[in-house]
Amino acid sequence: MMKATLDQGLARLGLDLSEEQRQTLCAFGKAVVEQNKVMNLTAITEDAQVAKLHLLDSLTVLTAADLAGRRVIDVGCGAGFPGVPIAIGCPEAEVTLLDSLGKRMKWLEQILPQLGIRAELITGRAEEAVAGRRETYDYAVSRAVARLNILLELTAPYVKPGGAVLAMKGAAARDELSQCANAIGRLGLKLEQIREYPMDGVNHAVIVLRKVSPTPPQYPRRYAKIKQNPL
C-alpha cells in the first residue's frame, strides 16, 4: 500500500523517480514506523498515510526548487522529514540534517548508511549550530518546527544571499505568512512564491522566500527570546 500510494502521488507531482529511489523511500518509511515502536518518531504509522503525509509531502520541495548540485539543510529534521526523502529523491543535492534530539540523530546515523542514503548529520540547536555555518547553504528547508515568524529567524541565517528558505506549512500557511512582513524584511528575505499541494482535502504549501541580502549578525537570537518576542 505504501508503494502504490507513493507511485500515484509521484505521478500527480510530476516527479519521475527510479524504481530504486521509490523502493528506498518505502524502506525508509517502513524503518520509521518500525523504530516508532520503541521511540517517539511519528503519530502517522499506517502505510498509505506514511506515503502521503511523510514521503510525498517531503518530496513537494523538489517541485518548488531545483536542488541538484546545491547545499541544503533541513532545520529541525525530526525523524528525517523532509531531508531524507529529499536526499533520496535528489541524490545530486548535498543534504545536511540538523536536530537537537541526540537519540533521534543516533538512529538516523545508523539507518541511513544501511539504506544507502547520503547525508551529513548535526546534533544541535538551530540557533547555536549556525555559528560555524552561517550563510553557507543554498537552501534551508523545514517542516513542522515552529510558526513561520519564529521559523524564519532560525533558518534564514543558514542561507547565502541568492539562496532561499523553503518553509513547509499546512492549511495555516497564508495566515502565518500574513504575520511575517517584519521578519521577512529584517532577515534579508523576499517572498517569491507559495506552491500549494492538496492532500486529503487539506492544502499543504511550500513557501519560497528568496535571500536578497545578508541576515544581520544579531540574528538568530536565543530561542527563548525568539519565542517570547518574534520579529
Protein backbone atom coordinates (compact mmCIF):
# COMPACT_ATOMS: atom_id res chain seq x y z
CA MET A 1 0.00 0.00 0.00
CA MET A 2 2.84 2.41 0.78
CA LYS A 3 4.45 1.82 -2.62
CA ALA A 4 1.17 2.08 -4.57
CA THR A 5 0.24 5.32 -2.81
CA LEU A 6 3.74 6.69 -3.39
CA ASP A 7 3.63 5.82 -7.11
CA GLN A 8 0.25 7.53 -7.57
CA GLY A 9 1.39 10.63 -5.70
CA LEU A 10 4.65 10.93 -7.63
CA ALA A 11 2.69 10.89 -10.89
CA ARG A 12 0.46 13.71 -9.59
CA LEU A 13 3.51 15.73 -8.56
CA GLY A 14 5.16 15.10 -11.92
CA LEU A 15 8.25 13.58 -10.29
CA ASP A 16 9.98 10.84 -12.26
CA LEU A 17 11.96 8.78 -9.74
CA SER A 18 13.66 5.47 -10.48
CA GLU A 19 12.33 2.20 -9.12
CA GLU A 20 15.34 2.05 -6.82
CA GLN A 21 14.56 5.50 -5.40
CA ARG A 22 10.93 4.51 -4.84
CA GLN A 23 11.97 1.32 -3.05
CA THR A 24 14.41 3.26 -0.86
CA LEU A 25 11.72 5.81 0.06
CA CYS A 26 9.41 2.99 1.15
CA ALA A 27 12.23 1.24 3.03
CA PHE A 28 12.85 4.44 4.98
CA GLY A 29 9.13 4.94 5.63
CA LYS A 30 8.87 1.38 6.99
CA ALA A 31 12.02 1.87 9.10
CA VAL A 32 10.46 4.95 10.71
CA VAL A 33 7.28 3.02 11.54
CA GLU A 34 9.31 0.12 12.97
CA GLN A 35 11.55 2.37 15.09
CA ASN A 36 8.46 4.23 16.27
CA LYS A 37 7.57 1.16 18.33
CA VAL A 38 10.47 1.95 20.68
CA MET A 39 10.98 5.69 20.09
CA ASN A 40 8.52 8.54 19.61
CA LEU A 41 9.08 9.48 15.95
CA THR A 42 5.65 9.92 14.41
CA ALA A 43 1.92 9.70 15.09
CA ILE A 44 1.46 8.55 11.46
CA THR A 45 2.03 4.80 11.14
CA GLU A 46 -0.45 3.48 8.53
CA ASP A 47 1.28 2.71 5.20
CA ALA A 48 -0.78 4.91 2.87
CA GLN A 49 -0.65 7.84 5.30
CA VAL A 50 3.13 7.49 5.71
CA ALA A 51 3.42 7.64 1.91
CA LYS A 52 1.19 10.72 1.65
CA LEU A 53 1.93 12.75 4.75
CA HIS A 54 5.64 11.98 5.16
CA LEU A 55 7.18 10.82 1.87
CA LEU A 56 5.14 12.70 -0.73
CA ASP A 57 4.74 15.78 1.45
CA SER A 58 8.55 15.96 1.78
CA LEU A 59 9.03 15.50 -1.96
CA THR A 60 6.87 18.53 -2.83
CA VAL A 61 10.03 20.54 -2.12
CA LEU A 62 11.57 19.06 -5.29
CA THR A 63 8.82 20.69 -7.36
CA ALA A 64 9.36 24.09 -5.73
CA ALA A 65 13.14 24.38 -6.27
CA ASP A 66 15.93 22.72 -8.26
CA LEU A 67 18.16 21.28 -5.56
CA ALA A 68 20.60 19.38 -7.82
CA GLY A 69 24.18 20.35 -7.02
CA ARG A 70 23.02 22.57 -4.14
CA ARG A 71 23.76 22.56 -0.41
CA VAL A 72 20.54 22.01 1.52
CA ILE A 73 19.98 22.00 5.29
CA ASP A 74 16.89 20.54 6.94
CA VAL A 75 16.48 22.58 10.14
CA GLY A 76 14.72 20.53 12.83
CA CYS A 77 14.60 17.32 10.79
CA GLY A 78 12.85 15.23 13.47
CA ALA A 79 12.50 11.68 12.16
CA GLY A 80 14.15 12.77 8.91
CA PHE A 81 11.43 14.72 7.12
CA PRO A 82 11.73 16.37 4.69
CA GLY A 83 15.52 15.94 4.49
CA VAL A 84 15.81 12.17 3.98
CA PRO A 85 13.22 11.93 1.16
CA ILE A 86 14.92 14.93 -0.46
CA ALA A 87 18.30 13.13 -0.26
CA ILE A 88 16.72 10.04 -1.85
CA GLY A 89 14.73 11.93 -4.49
CA CYS A 90 17.61 14.24 -5.43
CA PRO A 91 20.90 12.44 -4.71
CA GLU A 92 22.75 15.26 -6.50
CA ALA A 93 21.87 17.58 -3.60
CA GLU A 94 24.26 17.86 -0.66
CA VAL A 95 21.87 17.38 2.27
CA THR A 96 22.53 18.22 5.93
CA LEU A 97 20.12 17.09 8.66
CA LEU A 98 20.02 19.17 11.86
CA ASP A 99 18.11 18.34 15.03
CA SER A 100 18.65 18.86 18.75
CA LEU A 101 17.46 15.41 19.87
CA GLY A 102 20.52 13.16 20.11
CA LYS A 103 18.59 9.89 20.35
CA ARG A 104 16.81 10.55 17.06
CA MET A 105 20.01 11.61 15.33
CA LYS A 106 21.84 8.48 16.52
CA TRP A 107 19.10 6.37 14.96
CA LEU A 108 19.39 8.28 11.67
CA GLU A 109 23.18 7.80 11.78
CA GLN A 110 22.59 4.04 11.93
CA ILE A 111 19.73 3.64 9.44
CA LEU A 112 20.81 5.96 6.61
CA PRO A 113 24.02 4.07 5.70
CA GLN A 114 22.08 0.77 5.86
CA LEU A 115 19.71 2.12 3.18
CA GLY A 116 22.49 3.71 1.11
CA ILE A 117 21.33 7.28 1.82
CA ARG A 118 23.97 10.03 1.95
CA ALA A 119 23.53 12.99 4.28
CA GLU A 120 25.55 14.94 6.84
CA LEU A 121 24.06 14.82 10.35
CA ILE A 122 24.45 17.51 13.00
CA THR A 123 23.09 17.28 16.54
CA GLY A 124 22.45 20.73 17.92
CA ARG A 125 20.01 23.57 18.36
CA ALA A 126 19.34 25.61 15.23
CA GLU A 127 20.19 28.96 16.83
CA GLU A 128 23.53 27.60 18.12
CA ALA A 129 24.70 25.33 15.27
CA VAL A 130 24.58 28.26 12.84
CA ALA A 131 27.77 29.72 14.37
CA GLY A 132 30.12 27.81 12.05
CA ARG A 133 27.70 27.53 9.12
CA ARG A 134 26.31 30.98 8.64
CA GLU A 135 25.19 31.74 5.06
CA THR A 136 26.84 28.61 3.66
CA TYR A 137 23.74 26.84 2.25
CA ASP A 138 21.79 27.39 -0.94
CA TYR A 139 18.54 26.27 0.69
CA ALA A 140 17.19 25.80 4.20
CA VAL A 141 14.09 23.60 4.45
CA SER A 142 11.91 22.98 7.47
CA ARG A 143 8.67 21.25 8.33
CA ALA A 144 6.53 21.23 11.49
CA VAL A 145 9.10 23.08 13.61
CA ALA A 146 7.53 26.41 14.60
CA ARG A 147 5.25 29.20 13.44
CA LEU A 148 6.67 30.99 10.41
CA ASN A 149 7.65 34.21 12.21
CA ILE A 150 9.80 32.09 14.57
CA LEU A 151 10.98 29.62 11.94
CA LEU A 152 12.40 32.28 9.63
CA GLU A 153 14.78 33.57 12.29
CA LEU A 154 16.07 30.01 12.80
CA THR A 155 16.52 29.21 9.08
CA ALA A 156 17.42 32.44 7.23
CA PRO A 157 20.89 32.80 8.83
CA TYR A 158 21.96 29.48 7.24
CA VAL A 159 21.17 30.65 3.69
CA LYS A 160 23.61 32.53 1.49
CA PRO A 161 22.35 35.57 -0.45
CA GLY A 162 20.76 34.35 -3.66
CA GLY A 163 19.56 31.16 -1.95
CA ALA A 164 16.15 30.59 -0.37
CA VAL A 165 14.26 29.37 2.66
CA LEU A 166 11.72 26.67 1.72
CA ALA A 167 9.19 26.64 4.56
CA MET A 168 6.72 23.75 4.52
CA LYS A 169 3.35 24.60 6.01
CA GLY A 170 -0.19 23.24 6.23
CA ALA A 171 -3.58 24.91 5.96
CA ALA A 172 -2.45 27.93 8.01
CA ALA A 173 0.34 28.84 5.55
CA ARG A 174 -1.13 32.10 4.26
CA ASP A 175 -2.33 33.13 7.71
CA GLU A 176 1.16 32.65 9.18
CA LEU A 177 2.71 34.44 6.21
CA SER A 178 0.47 37.47 6.77
CA GLN A 179 2.13 37.96 10.19
CA CYS A 180 5.68 37.82 8.82
CA ALA A 181 6.21 41.04 6.87
CA ASN A 182 8.56 42.44 9.52
CA ALA A 183 10.55 39.20 9.91
CA ILE A 184 10.92 38.79 6.15
CA GLY A 185 12.33 42.30 5.74
CA ARG A 186 14.62 42.21 8.78
CA LEU A 187 16.18 38.85 7.89
CA GLY A 188 17.05 39.78 4.29
CA LEU A 189 14.29 37.71 2.68
CA LYS A 190 11.69 38.38 0.00
CA LEU A 191 8.58 36.30 -0.74
CA GLU A 192 8.99 34.66 -4.14
CA GLN A 193 6.10 32.22 -4.35
CA ILE A 194 3.72 29.92 -2.50
CA ARG A 195 3.34 26.46 -4.02
CA GLU A 196 0.21 24.66 -2.79
CA TYR A 197 -0.49 20.92 -2.90
CA PRO A 198 -3.86 19.47 -1.91
CA MET A 199 -3.52 16.31 0.22
CA ASP A 200 -6.58 14.56 1.61
CA GLY A 201 -8.61 17.72 1.18
CA VAL A 202 -6.11 19.91 3.03
CA ASN A 203 -3.75 22.36 1.34
CA HIS A 204 -0.07 21.83 2.07
CA ALA A 205 2.31 24.56 0.94
CA VAL A 206 5.95 25.29 0.27
CA ILE A 207 6.63 28.97 0.88
CA VAL A 208 9.70 30.10 -1.11
CA LEU A 209 11.48 33.09 0.43
CA ARG A 210 14.49 34.31 -1.53
CA LYS A 211 17.53 35.63 0.37
CA VAL A 212 18.12 39.07 -1.17
CA SER A 213 20.62 40.44 1.37
CA PRO A 214 22.72 39.12 4.27
CA THR A 215 20.93 38.45 7.57
CA PRO A 216 22.10 40.96 10.22
CA PRO A 217 24.60 39.35 12.62
CA GLN A 218 22.37 39.76 15.70
CA TYR A 219 20.06 37.05 14.32
CA PRO A 220 19.26 34.41 15.36
CA ARG A 221 18.71 35.42 18.99
CA ARG A 222 18.43 32.89 21.81
CA TYR A 223 15.39 30.68 21.32
CA ALA A 224 13.60 31.89 24.45
CA LYS A 225 13.90 35.44 23.13
CA ILE A 226 12.70 34.49 19.64
CA LYS A 227 9.66 32.71 21.07
CA GLN A 228 8.86 35.43 23.57
CA ASN A 229 9.20 38.26 21.06
CA PRO A 230 9.01 37.07 17.42
CA LEU A 231 10.13 39.54 14.76
